């Protein structure tokens, strides 16, 4: 039981060393991630539509 207590004390100390991002940084990086996900999904969706039409054309 003592080792568990030591572990959680160590975790608390290490979390105190972490530099957490500001709200502004979090919003900015989240916006970039959402934008990239949207762009990639549009690209993959377009590829899917084009390939589906191509397969229908080939297979009749």
N, C-alpha and C. Protein backbone atom coordinates (compact mmCIF):
# COMPACT_ATOMS: atom_id res chain seq x y z
N UNK A 1 0.82 -1.19 0.00
CA UNK A 1 0.00 0.00 0.00
C UNK A 1 0.87 1.26 0.00
N UNK A 2 2.03 1.17 0.61
CA UNK A 2 2.94 2.31 0.68
C UNK A 2 3.45 2.67 -0.72
N UNK A 3 3.69 1.66 -1.57
CA UNK A 3 4.20 1.94 -2.91
C UNK A 3 3.16 2.67 -3.76
N UNK A 4 1.89 2.39 -3.55
CA UNK A 4 0.83 3.07 -4.27
C UNK A 4 0.81 4.55 -3.87
N UNK A 5 0.97 4.82 -2.59
CA UNK A 5 1.00 6.19 -2.10
C UNK A 5 2.18 6.95 -2.69
N UNK A 6 3.34 6.32 -2.72
CA UNK A 6 4.53 6.94 -3.30
C UNK A 6 4.32 7.22 -4.78
N UNK A 7 3.69 6.27 -5.46
CA UNK A 7 3.42 6.45 -6.89
C UNK A 7 2.57 7.69 -7.13
N UNK A 8 1.48 7.83 -6.40
CA UNK A 8 0.58 8.97 -6.62
C UNK A 8 1.23 10.28 -6.19
N UNK A 9 2.08 10.26 -5.20
CA UNK A 9 2.82 11.47 -4.83
C UNK A 9 3.77 11.87 -5.97
N UNK A 10 4.41 10.89 -6.58
CA UNK A 10 5.30 11.15 -7.71
C UNK A 10 4.53 11.71 -8.90
N UNK A 11 3.36 11.15 -9.14
CA UNK A 11 2.52 11.62 -10.24
C UNK A 11 2.14 13.08 -10.01
N UNK A 12 1.77 13.43 -8.79
CA UNK A 12 1.39 14.80 -8.46
C UNK A 12 2.55 15.76 -8.69
N UNK A 13 3.75 15.35 -8.30
CA UNK A 13 4.94 16.19 -8.50
C UNK A 13 5.21 16.38 -10.00
N UNK A 14 5.12 15.31 -10.76
CA UNK A 14 5.39 15.40 -12.20
C UNK A 14 4.35 16.25 -12.91
N UNK A 15 3.08 16.13 -12.52
CA UNK A 15 2.04 16.95 -13.13
C UNK A 15 2.24 18.43 -12.82
N UNK A 16 2.86 18.71 -11.71
CA UNK A 16 3.18 20.10 -11.38
C UNK A 16 4.23 20.70 -12.30
N UNK A 17 5.04 19.87 -12.94
CA UNK A 17 6.09 20.31 -13.86
C UNK A 17 5.57 20.55 -15.28
N UNK A 18 4.39 20.07 -15.56
CA UNK A 18 3.83 20.17 -16.90
C UNK A 18 3.44 21.62 -17.21
N UNK A 19 3.79 22.07 -18.41
CA UNK A 19 3.34 23.40 -18.84
C UNK A 19 2.11 23.19 -19.71
N UNK A 20 0.97 23.52 -19.18
CA UNK A 20 -0.29 23.32 -19.87
C UNK A 20 -0.51 24.45 -20.85
N UNK A 21 -1.11 24.16 -22.02
CA UNK A 21 -1.37 25.22 -23.01
C UNK A 21 -2.44 26.18 -22.50
N UNK A 22 -2.34 27.41 -22.99
CA UNK A 22 -3.36 28.39 -22.62
C UNK A 22 -4.64 28.10 -23.39
N UNK A 23 -5.71 28.75 -22.99
CA UNK A 23 -6.99 28.58 -23.67
C UNK A 23 -6.87 28.99 -25.13
N UNK A 24 -6.15 30.07 -25.39
CA UNK A 24 -5.97 30.57 -26.75
C UNK A 24 -5.21 29.55 -27.61
N UNK A 25 -4.16 28.97 -27.05
CA UNK A 25 -3.38 27.95 -27.78
C UNK A 25 -4.22 26.71 -28.06
N UNK A 26 -5.01 26.30 -27.08
CA UNK A 26 -5.86 25.12 -27.25
C UNK A 26 -6.89 25.33 -28.34
N UNK A 27 -7.52 26.51 -28.36
CA UNK A 27 -8.51 26.82 -29.39
C UNK A 27 -7.85 26.86 -30.76
N UNK A 28 -6.66 27.48 -30.84
CA UNK A 28 -5.97 27.59 -32.13
C UNK A 28 -5.59 26.22 -32.68
N UNK A 29 -5.01 25.37 -31.85
CA UNK A 29 -4.60 24.05 -32.35
C UNK A 29 -5.81 23.18 -32.66
N UNK A 30 -6.86 23.30 -31.88
CA UNK A 30 -8.08 22.53 -32.16
C UNK A 30 -8.71 22.97 -33.48
N UNK A 31 -8.67 24.26 -33.75
CA UNK A 31 -9.21 24.78 -35.01
C UNK A 31 -8.42 24.22 -36.19
N UNK A 32 -7.11 24.18 -36.07
CA UNK A 32 -6.27 23.63 -37.14
C UNK A 32 -6.59 22.16 -37.36
N UNK A 33 -6.73 21.40 -36.28
CA UNK A 33 -7.03 19.97 -36.40
C UNK A 33 -8.38 19.75 -37.08
N UNK A 34 -9.40 20.50 -36.67
CA UNK A 34 -10.73 20.36 -37.27
C UNK A 34 -10.69 20.74 -38.75
N UNK A 35 -9.98 21.80 -39.10
CA UNK A 35 -9.88 22.22 -40.50
C UNK A 35 -9.20 21.14 -41.35
N UNK A 36 -8.11 20.57 -40.84
CA UNK A 36 -7.40 19.53 -41.60
C UNK A 36 -8.28 18.29 -41.75
N UNK A 37 -8.98 17.92 -40.70
CA UNK A 37 -9.88 16.75 -40.77
C UNK A 37 -10.97 17.00 -41.82
N UNK A 38 -11.53 18.20 -41.86
CA UNK A 38 -12.56 18.52 -42.85
C UNK A 38 -12.00 18.46 -44.27
N UNK A 39 -10.81 19.02 -44.47
CA UNK A 39 -10.20 19.00 -45.81
C UNK A 39 -9.93 17.57 -46.26
N UNK A 40 -9.38 16.76 -45.38
CA UNK A 40 -9.08 15.37 -45.75
C UNK A 40 -10.37 14.60 -46.01
N UNK A 41 -11.40 14.84 -45.21
CA UNK A 41 -12.65 14.11 -45.43
C UNK A 41 -13.30 14.53 -46.75
N UNK A 42 -13.21 15.81 -47.11
CA UNK A 42 -13.73 16.25 -48.41
C UNK A 42 -12.96 15.60 -49.56
N UNK A 43 -11.64 15.54 -49.42
CA UNK A 43 -10.81 14.92 -50.45
C UNK A 43 -11.15 13.44 -50.60
N UNK A 44 -11.22 12.72 -49.48
CA UNK A 44 -11.53 11.29 -49.55
C UNK A 44 -12.95 11.05 -50.04
N UNK A 45 -13.88 11.91 -49.66
CA UNK A 45 -15.25 11.79 -50.16
C UNK A 45 -15.31 11.97 -51.67
N UNK A 46 -14.57 12.97 -52.18
CA UNK A 46 -14.53 13.20 -53.62
C UNK A 46 -13.91 12.01 -54.34
N UNK A 47 -12.83 11.48 -53.78
CA UNK A 47 -12.20 10.29 -54.38
C UNK A 47 -13.17 9.12 -54.41
N UNK A 48 -13.92 8.94 -53.35
CA UNK A 48 -14.88 7.85 -53.28
C UNK A 48 -15.96 7.99 -54.34
N UNK A 49 -16.49 9.20 -54.49
CA UNK A 49 -17.54 9.44 -55.50
C UNK A 49 -17.00 9.19 -56.89
N UNK A 50 -15.81 9.71 -57.17
CA UNK A 50 -15.21 9.54 -58.50
C UNK A 50 -14.95 8.07 -58.80
N UNK A 51 -14.36 7.35 -57.83
CA UNK A 51 -14.08 5.94 -58.06
C UNK A 51 -15.35 5.10 -58.17
N UNK A 52 -16.39 5.46 -57.43
CA UNK A 52 -17.66 4.73 -57.52
C UNK A 52 -18.28 4.92 -58.89
N UNK A 53 -18.23 6.15 -59.41
CA UNK A 53 -18.77 6.39 -60.75
C UNK A 53 -17.94 5.67 -61.80
N UNK A 54 -16.64 5.65 -61.63
CA UNK A 54 -15.75 4.96 -62.56
C UNK A 54 -16.05 3.45 -62.56
N UNK A 55 -16.26 2.88 -61.38
CA UNK A 55 -16.55 1.44 -61.30
C UNK A 55 -17.91 1.14 -61.95
N UNK A 56 -18.91 2.01 -61.73
CA UNK A 56 -20.20 1.80 -62.39
C UNK A 56 -20.07 1.87 -63.91
N UNK A 57 -19.24 2.79 -64.38
CA UNK A 57 -19.02 2.94 -65.82
C UNK A 57 -18.34 1.70 -66.40
N UNK A 58 -17.34 1.18 -65.67
CA UNK A 58 -16.60 0.01 -66.14
C UNK A 58 -17.45 -1.26 -66.08
N UNK A 59 -18.17 -1.43 -64.99
CA UNK A 59 -18.92 -2.66 -64.78
C UNK A 59 -20.31 -2.61 -65.42
N UNK A 60 -20.71 -1.47 -65.85
CA UNK A 60 -21.96 -1.35 -66.57
C UNK A 60 -23.14 -1.15 -65.70
